[in-house]
PDB file of N, CA and C in Angstrom:
ATOM      1  N   UNK A   1       9.666  -4.376  23.167  1.00  0.00           N
ATOM      2  CA  UNK A   1      11.047  -4.320  23.562  1.00  0.00           C
ATOM      3  C   UNK A   1      11.668  -3.061  22.976  1.00  0.00           C
ATOM      4  N   UNK A   2      12.440  -2.371  23.784  1.00  0.00           N
ATOM      5  CA  UNK A   2      13.171  -1.174  23.353  1.00  0.00           C
ATOM      6  C   UNK A   2      14.629  -1.565  23.137  1.00  0.00           C
ATOM      7  N   UNK A   3      15.125  -1.379  21.907  1.00  0.00           N
ATOM      8  CA  UNK A   3      16.495  -1.706  21.542  1.00  0.00           C
ATOM      9  C   UNK A   3      17.253  -0.396  21.302  1.00  0.00           C
ATOM     10  N   UNK A   4      18.395  -0.249  21.946  1.00  0.00           N
ATOM     11  CA  UNK A   4      19.256   0.910  21.721  1.00  0.00           C
ATOM     12  C   UNK A   4      20.523   0.443  21.020  1.00  0.00           C
ATOM     13  N   UNK A   5      20.909   1.152  19.968  1.00  0.00           N
ATOM     14  CA  UNK A   5      22.119   0.847  19.216  1.00  0.00           C
ATOM     15  C   UNK A   5      23.149   1.931  19.542  1.00  0.00           C
ATOM     16  N   UNK A   6      24.281   1.513  20.075  1.00  0.00           N
ATOM     17  CA  UNK A   6      25.371   2.436  20.412  1.00  0.00           C
ATOM     18  C   UNK A   6      26.392   2.392  19.282  1.00  0.00           C
ATOM     19  N   UNK A   7      26.672   3.566  18.694  1.00  0.00           N
ATOM     20  CA  UNK A   7      27.612   3.625  17.584  1.00  0.00           C
ATOM     21  C   UNK A   7      28.411   4.924  17.638  1.00  0.00           C
ATOM     22  N   UNK A   8      29.437   4.999  16.814  1.00  0.00           N
ATOM     23  CA  UNK A   8      30.286   6.191  16.748  1.00  0.00           C
ATOM     24  C   UNK A   8      29.519   7.291  16.027  1.00  0.00           C
ATOM     25  N   UNK A   9      29.012   8.239  16.784  1.00  0.00           N
ATOM     26  CA  UNK A   9      28.203   9.304  16.212  1.00  0.00           C
ATOM     27  C   UNK A   9      28.986  10.287  15.365  1.00  0.00           C
ATOM     28  N   UNK A  10      30.306  10.274  15.476  1.00  0.00           N
ATOM     29  CA  UNK A  10      31.120  11.163  14.653  1.00  0.00           C
ATOM     30  C   UNK A  10      31.233  10.652  13.218  1.00  0.00           C
ATOM     31  N   UNK A  11      30.964   9.365  12.994  1.00  0.00           N
ATOM     32  CA  UNK A  11      31.089   8.756  11.666  1.00  0.00           C
ATOM     33  C   UNK A  11      29.923   7.834  11.337  1.00  0.00           C
ATOM     34  N   UNK A  12      28.692   8.318  11.384  1.00  0.00           N
ATOM     35  CA  UNK A  12      27.586   7.418  11.027  1.00  0.00           C
ATOM     36  C   UNK A  12      27.637   7.064   9.540  1.00  0.00           C
ATOM     37  N   UNK A  13      27.255   5.845   9.240  1.00  0.00           N
ATOM     38  CA  UNK A  13      27.298   5.321   7.878  1.00  0.00           C
ATOM     39  C   UNK A  13      25.890   4.936   7.431  1.00  0.00           C
ATOM     40  N   UNK A  14      25.726   4.760   6.128  1.00  0.00           N
ATOM     41  CA  UNK A  14      24.410   4.381   5.589  1.00  0.00           C
ATOM     42  C   UNK A  14      23.945   3.045   6.141  1.00  0.00           C
ATOM     43  N   UNK A  15      24.868   2.119   6.380  1.00  0.00           N
ATOM     44  CA  UNK A  15      24.450   0.815   6.892  1.00  0.00           C
ATOM     45  C   UNK A  15      23.938   0.931   8.324  1.00  0.00           C
ATOM     46  N   UNK A  16      24.386   1.941   9.078  1.00  0.00           N
ATOM     47  CA  UNK A  16      23.828   2.161  10.414  1.00  0.00           C
ATOM     48  C   UNK A  16      22.337   2.496  10.311  1.00  0.00           C
ATOM     49  N   UNK A  17      22.013   3.409   9.392  1.00  0.00           N
ATOM     50  CA  UNK A  17      20.615   3.801   9.196  1.00  0.00           C
ATOM     51  C   UNK A  17      19.793   2.612   8.705  1.00  0.00           C
ATOM     52  N   UNK A  18      20.360   1.807   7.802  1.00  0.00           N
ATOM     53  CA  UNK A  18      19.650   0.618   7.317  1.00  0.00           C
ATOM     54  C   UNK A  18      19.407  -0.372   8.455  1.00  0.00           C
ATOM     55  N   UNK A  19      20.388  -0.530   9.341  1.00  0.00           N
ATOM     56  CA  UNK A  19      20.225  -1.423  10.490  1.00  0.00           C
ATOM     57  C   UNK A  19      19.112  -0.928  11.406  1.00  0.00           C
ATOM     58  N   UNK A  20      19.072   0.366  11.672  1.00  0.00           N
ATOM     59  CA  UNK A  20      18.014   0.927  12.519  1.00  0.00           C
ATOM     60  C   UNK A  20      16.642   0.714  11.884  1.00  0.00           C
ATOM     61  N   UNK A  21      16.543   0.910  10.570  1.00  0.00           N
ATOM     62  CA  UNK A  21      15.274   0.680   9.859  1.00  0.00           C
ATOM     63  C   UNK A  21      14.823  -0.772   9.980  1.00  0.00           C
ATOM     64  N   UNK A  22      15.753  -1.699   9.773  1.00  0.00           N
ATOM     65  CA  UNK A  22      15.399  -3.127   9.828  1.00  0.00           C
ATOM     66  C   UNK A  22      15.003  -3.548  11.235  1.00  0.00           C
ATOM     67  N   UNK A  23      15.742  -3.077  12.223  1.00  0.00           N
ATOM     68  CA  UNK A  23      15.395  -3.420  13.611  1.00  0.00           C
ATOM     69  C   UNK A  23      14.004  -2.927  13.970  1.00  0.00           C
ATOM     70  N   UNK A  24      13.662  -1.729  13.543  1.00  0.00           N
ATOM     71  CA  UNK A  24      12.354  -1.181  13.891  1.00  0.00           C
ATOM     72  C   UNK A  24      11.213  -1.936  13.222  1.00  0.00           C
ATOM     73  N   UNK A  25      11.501  -2.672  12.159  1.00  0.00           N
ATOM     74  CA  UNK A  25      10.466  -3.442  11.481  1.00  0.00           C
ATOM     75  C   UNK A  25      10.285  -4.859  11.998  1.00  0.00           C
ATOM     76  N   UNK A  26      11.125  -5.267  12.945  1.00  0.00           N
ATOM     77  CA  UNK A  26      11.020  -6.630  13.480  1.00  0.00           C
ATOM     78  C   UNK A  26       9.835  -6.774  14.418  1.00  0.00           C
ATOM     79  N   UNK A  27       9.151  -7.917  14.382  1.00  0.00           N
ATOM     80  CA  UNK A  27       8.048  -8.137  15.315  1.00  0.00           C
ATOM     81  C   UNK A  27       8.569  -8.147  16.758  1.00  0.00           C
ATOM     82  N   UNK A  28       7.822  -7.542  17.637  1.00  0.00           N
ATOM     83  CA  UNK A  28       8.192  -7.516  19.048  1.00  0.00           C
ATOM     84  C   UNK A  28       9.070  -6.342  19.433  1.00  0.00           C
ATOM     85  N   UNK A  29       9.523  -5.564  18.467  1.00  0.00           N
ATOM     86  CA  UNK A  29      10.346  -4.396  18.754  1.00  0.00           C
ATOM     87  C   UNK A  29       9.431  -3.173  18.781  1.00  0.00           C
ATOM     88  N   UNK A  30       9.251  -2.611  19.966  1.00  0.00           N
ATOM     89  CA  UNK A  30       8.369  -1.456  20.113  1.00  0.00           C
ATOM     90  C   UNK A  30       9.095  -0.153  19.805  1.00  0.00           C
ATOM     91  N   UNK A  31      10.393  -0.078  20.143  1.00  0.00           N
ATOM     92  CA  UNK A  31      11.147   1.156  19.921  1.00  0.00           C
ATOM     93  C   UNK A  31      12.601   0.830  19.634  1.00  0.00           C
ATOM     94  N   UNK A  32      13.187   1.630  18.763  1.00  0.00           N
ATOM     95  CA  UNK A  32      14.615   1.540  18.463  1.00  0.00           C
ATOM     96  C   UNK A  32      15.181   2.937  18.655  1.00  0.00           C
ATOM     97  N   UNK A  33      16.274   3.026  19.385  1.00  0.00           N
ATOM     98  CA  UNK A  33      16.916   4.317  19.589  1.00  0.00           C
ATOM     99  C   UNK A  33      18.405   4.181  19.343  1.00  0.00           C
ATOM    100  N   UNK A  34      19.073   5.329  19.280  1.00  0.00           N
ATOM    101  CA  UNK A  34      20.499   5.322  19.009  1.00  0.00           C
ATOM    102  C   UNK A  34      21.226   6.155  20.062  1.00  0.00           C
ATOM    103  N   UNK A  35      22.376   5.649  20.474  1.00  0.00           N
ATOM    104  CA  UNK A  35      23.294   6.377  21.340  1.00  0.00           C
ATOM    105  C   UNK A  35      24.497   6.679  20.466  1.00  0.00           C
ATOM    106  N   UNK A  36      24.579   7.917  19.971  1.00  0.00           N
ATOM    107  CA  UNK A  36      25.569   8.262  18.959  1.00  0.00           C
ATOM    108  C   UNK A  36      26.683   9.129  19.521  1.00  0.00           C
ATOM    109  N   UNK A  37      27.289   8.697  20.598  1.00  0.00           N
ATOM    110  CA  UNK A  37      28.420   9.426  21.168  1.00  0.00           C
ATOM    111  C   UNK A  37      29.665   9.169  20.325  1.00  0.00           C
ATOM    112  N   UNK A  38      30.562  10.146  20.222  1.00  0.00           N
ATOM    113  CA  UNK A  38      31.798   9.906  19.462  1.00  0.00           C
ATOM    114  C   UNK A  38      32.613   8.786  20.084  1.00  0.00           C
ATOM    115  N   UNK A  39      33.254   7.990  19.239  1.00  0.00           N
ATOM    116  CA  UNK A  39      34.104   6.902  19.710  1.00  0.00           C
ATOM    117  C   UNK A  39      35.324   7.422  20.449  1.00  0.00           C
ATOM    118  N   UNK A  40      35.974   6.566  21.220  1.00  0.00           N
ATOM    119  CA  UNK A  40      37.083   7.024  22.058  1.00  0.00           C
ATOM    120  C   UNK A  40      38.321   7.463  21.289  1.00  0.00           C
ATOM    121  N   UNK A  41      38.635   6.832  20.184  1.00  0.00           N
ATOM    122  CA  UNK A  41      39.876   7.135  19.484  1.00  0.00           C
ATOM    123  C   UNK A  41      39.653   7.712  18.099  1.00  0.00           C
ATOM    124  N   UNK A  42      38.438   8.031  17.766  1.00  0.00           N
ATOM    125  CA  UNK A  42      38.166   8.526  16.429  1.00  0.00           C
ATOM    126  C   UNK A  42      38.066   7.391  15.420  1.00  0.00           C
ATOM    127  N   UNK A  43      37.971   7.754  14.159  1.00  0.00           N
ATOM    128  CA  UNK A  43      37.788   6.801  13.070  1.00  0.00           C
ATOM    129  C   UNK A  43      39.143   6.332  12.571  1.00  0.00           C
ATOM    130  N   UNK A  44      39.406   5.030  12.528  1.00  0.00           N
ATOM    131  CA  UNK A  44      40.697   4.544  12.007  1.00  0.00           C
ATOM    132  C   UNK A  44      40.874   4.925  10.540  1.00  0.00           C
ATOM    133  N   UNK A  45      42.075   5.327  10.193  1.00  0.00           N
ATOM    134  CA  UNK A  45      42.354   5.788   8.832  1.00  0.00           C
ATOM    135  C   UNK A  45      42.097   4.706   7.789  1.00  0.00           C
ATOM    136  N   UNK A  46      42.289   3.439   8.130  1.00  0.00           N
ATOM    137  CA  UNK A  46      42.127   2.351   7.165  1.00  0.00           C
ATOM    138  C   UNK A  46      40.699   1.818   7.087  1.00  0.00           C
ATOM    139  N   UNK A  47      39.797   2.328   7.887  1.00  0.00           N
ATOM    140  CA  UNK A  47      38.434   1.792   7.910  1.00  0.00           C
ATOM    141  C   UNK A  47      37.731   1.963   6.566  1.00  0.00           C
ATOM    142  N   UNK A  48      37.859   3.127   5.946  1.00  0.00           N
ATOM    143  CA  UNK A  48      37.204   3.345   4.649  1.00  0.00           C
ATOM    144  C   UNK A  48      37.766   2.407   3.583  1.00  0.00           C
ATOM    145  N   UNK A  49      39.060   2.198   3.605  1.00  0.00           N
ATOM    146  CA  UNK A  49      39.675   1.264   2.665  1.00  0.00           C
ATOM    147  C   UNK A  49      39.159  -0.159   2.882  1.00  0.00           C
ATOM    148  N   UNK A  50      39.022  -0.547   4.122  1.00  0.00           N
ATOM    149  CA  UNK A  50      38.503  -1.876   4.448  1.00  0.00           C
ATOM    150  C   UNK A  50      37.076  -2.051   3.936  1.00  0.00           C
ATOM    151  N   UNK A  51      36.233  -1.031   4.103  1.00  0.00           N
ATOM    152  CA  UNK A  51      34.859  -1.112   3.611  1.00  0.00           C
ATOM    153  C   UNK A  51      34.827  -1.233   2.086  1.00  0.00           C
ATOM    154  N   UNK A  52      35.687  -0.503   1.400  1.00  0.00           N
ATOM    155  CA  UNK A  52      35.729  -0.604  -0.069  1.00  0.00           C
ATOM    156  C   UNK A  52      36.195  -1.985  -0.510  1.00  0.00           C
ATOM    157  N   UNK A  53      37.184  -2.525   0.182  1.00  0.00           N
ATOM    158  CA  UNK A  53      37.676  -3.870  -0.139  1.00  0.00           C
ATOM    159  C   UNK A  53      36.586  -4.917   0.094  1.00  0.00           C
ATOM    160  N   UNK A  54      35.871  -4.804   1.190  1.00  0.00           N
ATOM    161  CA  UNK A  54      34.776  -5.732   1.478  1.00  0.00           C
ATOM    162  C   UNK A  54      33.710  -5.674   0.386  1.00  0.00           C
ATOM    163  N   UNK A  55      33.380  -4.468  -0.064  1.00  0.00           N
ATOM    164  CA  UNK A  55      32.385  -4.315  -1.132  1.00  0.00           C
ATOM    165  C   UNK A  55      32.851  -4.982  -2.413  1.00  0.00           C
ATOM    166  N   UNK A  56      34.131  -4.861  -2.734  1.00  0.00           N
ATOM    167  CA  UNK A  56      34.664  -5.513  -3.932  1.00  0.00           C
ATOM    168  C   UNK A  56      34.626  -7.033  -3.821  1.00  0.00           C
ATOM    169  N   UNK A  57      35.065  -7.558  -2.694  1.00  0.00           N
ATOM    170  CA  UNK A  57      35.133  -9.010  -2.509  1.00  0.00           C
ATOM    171  C   UNK A  57      33.751  -9.652  -2.564  1.00  0.00           C
ATOM    172  N   UNK A  58      32.789  -9.032  -1.883  1.00  0.00           N
ATOM    173  CA  UNK A  58      31.450  -9.616  -1.795  1.00  0.00           C
ATOM    174  C   UNK A  58      30.478  -9.054  -2.822  1.00  0.00           C
ATOM    175  N   UNK A  59      31.006  -8.255  -3.754  1.00  0.00           N
ATOM    176  CA  UNK A  59      30.200  -7.661  -4.821  1.00  0.00           C
ATOM    177  C   UNK A  59      28.993  -6.910  -4.268  1.00  0.00           C
ATOM    178  N   UNK A  60      29.268  -6.066  -3.285  1.00  0.00           N
ATOM    179  CA  UNK A  60      28.239  -5.242  -2.665  1.00  0.00           C
ATOM    180  C   UNK A  60      28.268  -3.852  -3.270  1.00  0.00           C
ATOM    181  N   UNK A  61      27.154  -3.163  -3.164  1.00  0.00           N
ATOM    182  CA  UNK A  61      27.139  -1.762  -3.583  1.00  0.00           C
ATOM    183  C   UNK A  61      28.035  -0.976  -2.637  1.00  0.00           C
ATOM    184  N   UNK A  62      28.922  -0.159  -3.161  1.00  0.00           N
ATOM    185  CA  UNK A  62      29.879   0.538  -2.299  1.00  0.00           C
ATOM    186  C   UNK A  62      29.267   1.666  -1.475  1.00  0.00           C
ATOM    187  N   UNK A  63      28.013   1.985  -1.697  1.00  0.00           N
ATOM    188  CA  UNK A  63      27.430   3.118  -0.988  1.00  0.00           C
ATOM    189  C   UNK A  63      26.955   2.794   0.427  1.00  0.00           C
ATOM    190  N   UNK A  64      26.994   1.562   0.855  1.00  0.00           N
ATOM    191  CA  UNK A  64      26.560   1.210   2.210  1.00  0.00           C
ATOM    192  C   UNK A  64      27.464   1.749   3.287  1.00  0.00           C
ATOM    193  N   UNK A  65      28.727   1.964   2.948  1.00  0.00           N
ATOM    194  CA  UNK A  65      29.667   2.476   3.935  1.00  0.00           C
ATOM    195  C   UNK A  65      29.877   3.984   3.801  1.00  0.00           C
ATOM    196  N   UNK A  66      29.134   4.613   2.939  1.00  0.00           N
ATOM    197  CA  UNK A  66      29.275   6.066   2.780  1.00  0.00           C
ATOM    198  C   UNK A  66      28.760   6.778   4.028  1.00  0.00           C
ATOM    199  N   UNK A  67      29.400   7.882   4.383  1.00  0.00           N
ATOM    200  CA  UNK A  67      28.959   8.625   5.566  1.00  0.00           C
ATOM    201  C   UNK A  67      27.605   9.295   5.341  1.00  0.00           C
ATOM    202  N   UNK A  68      26.883   9.463   6.407  1.00  0.00           N
ATOM    203  CA  UNK A  68      25.635  10.229   6.403  1.00  0.00           C
ATOM    204  C   UNK A  68      25.796  11.354   7.422  1.00  0.00           C
ATOM    205  N   UNK A  69      25.058  12.437   7.268  1.00  0.00           N
ATOM    206  CA  UNK A  69      25.142  13.504   8.261  1.00  0.00           C
ATOM    207  C   UNK A  69      24.647  13.004   9.618  1.00  0.00           C
ATOM    208  N   UNK A  70      25.298  13.401  10.705  1.00  0.00           N
ATOM    209  CA  UNK A  70      24.828  12.978  12.027  1.00  0.00           C
ATOM    210  C   UNK A  70      23.366  13.341  12.290  1.00  0.00           C
ATOM    211  N   UNK A  71      22.863  14.356  11.601  1.00  0.00           N
ATOM    212  CA  UNK A  71      21.458  14.744  11.771  1.00  0.00           C
ATOM    213  C   UNK A  71      20.502  13.647  11.321  1.00  0.00           C
ATOM    214  N   UNK A  72      20.952  12.743  10.435  1.00  0.00           N
ATOM    215  CA  UNK A  72      20.099  11.635   9.982  1.00  0.00           C
ATOM    216  C   UNK A  72      19.761  10.674  11.118  1.00  0.00           C
ATOM    217  N   UNK A  73      20.523  10.708  12.190  1.00  0.00           N
ATOM    218  CA  UNK A  73      20.260   9.840  13.337  1.00  0.00           C
ATOM    219  C   UNK A  73      19.303  10.479  14.340  1.00  0.00           C
ATOM    220  N   UNK A  74      18.957  11.749  14.131  1.00  0.00           N
ATOM    221  CA  UNK A  74      18.093  12.461  15.074  1.00  0.00           C
ATOM    222  C   UNK A  74      16.715  11.811  15.204  1.00  0.00           C
ATOM    223  N   UNK A  75      16.237  11.200  14.143  1.00  0.00           N
ATOM    224  CA  UNK A  75      14.920  10.550  14.185  1.00  0.00           C
ATOM    225  C   UNK A  75      14.907   9.350  15.129  1.00  0.00           C
ATOM    226  N   UNK A  76      16.078   8.841  15.476  1.00  0.00           N
ATOM    227  CA  UNK A  76      16.169   7.648  16.308  1.00  0.00           C
ATOM    228  C   UNK A  76      16.420   7.968  17.775  1.00  0.00           C
ATOM    229  N   UNK A  77      16.249   9.228  18.167  1.00  0.00           N
ATOM    230  CA  UNK A  77      16.437   9.620  19.564  1.00  0.00           C
ATOM    231  C   UNK A  77      15.147   9.330  20.320  1.00  0.00           C
ATOM    232  N   UNK A  78      15.230   8.463  21.310  1.00  0.00           N
ATOM    233  CA  UNK A  78      14.069   8.096  22.120  1.00  0.00           C
ATOM    234  C   UNK A  78      14.483   8.065  23.593  1.00  0.00           C
ATOM    235  N   UNK A  79      13.653   8.634  24.445  1.00  0.00           N
ATOM    236  CA  UNK A  79      13.958   8.541  25.881  1.00  0.00           C
ATOM    237  C   UNK A  79      13.609   7.160  26.423  1.00  0.00           C
ATOM    238  N   UNK A  80      14.025   6.907  27.612  1.00  0.00           N
ATOM    239  CA  UNK A  80      13.661   5.648  28.264  1.00  0.00           C
ATOM    240  C   UNK A  80      14.826   4.704  28.386  1.00  0.00           C
ATOM    241  N   UNK A  81      14.629   3.726  29.215  1.00  0.00           N
ATOM    242  CA  UNK A  81      15.648   2.707  29.459  1.00  0.00           C
ATOM    243  C   UNK A  81      15.446   1.563  28.465  1.00  0.00           C
ATOM    244  N   UNK A  82      16.497   1.200  27.738  1.00  0.00           N
ATOM    245  CA  UNK A  82      16.349   0.124  26.760  1.00  0.00           C
ATOM    246  C   UNK A  82      16.346  -1.252  27.436  1.00  0.00           C
ATOM    247  N   UNK A  83      15.729  -2.199  26.782  1.00  0.00           N
ATOM    248  CA  UNK A  83      15.761  -3.597  27.242  1.00  0.00           C
ATOM    249  C   UNK A  83      17.019  -4.295  26.729  1.00  0.00           C
ATOM    250  N   UNK A  84      17.557  -3.807  25.608  1.00  0.00           N
ATOM    251  CA  UNK A  84      18.720  -4.428  24.989  1.00  0.00           C
ATOM    252  C   UNK A  84      19.578  -3.330  24.369  1.00  0.00           C
ATOM    253  N   UNK A  85      20.907  -3.399  24.552  1.00  0.00           N
ATOM    254  CA  UNK A  85      21.838  -2.451  23.949  1.00  0.00           C
ATOM    255  C   UNK A  85      22.772  -3.201  23.023  1.00  0.00           C
ATOM    256  N   UNK A  86      22.816  -2.773  21.758  1.00  0.00           N
ATOM    257  CA  UNK A  86      23.758  -3.319  20.782  1.00  0.00           C
ATOM    258  C   UNK A  86      24.891  -2.313  20.661  1.00  0.00           C
ATOM    259  N   UNK A  87      26.077  -2.675  21.131  1.00  0.00           N
ATOM    260  CA  UNK A  87      27.224  -1.756  21.147  1.00  0.00           C
ATOM    261  C   UNK A  87      28.090  -2.060  19.932  1.00  0.00           C
ATOM    262  N   UNK A  88      28.027  -1.155  18.940  1.00  0.00           N
ATOM    263  CA  UNK A  88      28.818  -1.341  17.723  1.00  0.00           C
ATOM    264  C   UNK A  88      30.110  -0.578  17.823  1.00  0.00           C
TER     265      UNK A  88
END
């Protein structure tokens, strides 16, 4: 099965990369790709604050919401028609 993850390519986060890694390790998943087009309205100003608050409440490491360079998603570029699209 080929799974494509659609996300805001202007603001990729570490958890996006972790999600792609985990999906690719699942049994039955032959390929994982990413559609990293910029979102329609850009990144909401309060999104970073929300991620920090979530990390505090759930005692998570705060680095999961840190930005990564868009080039880190280049490894997930795959041609072909996906069987499933996860639109984040």
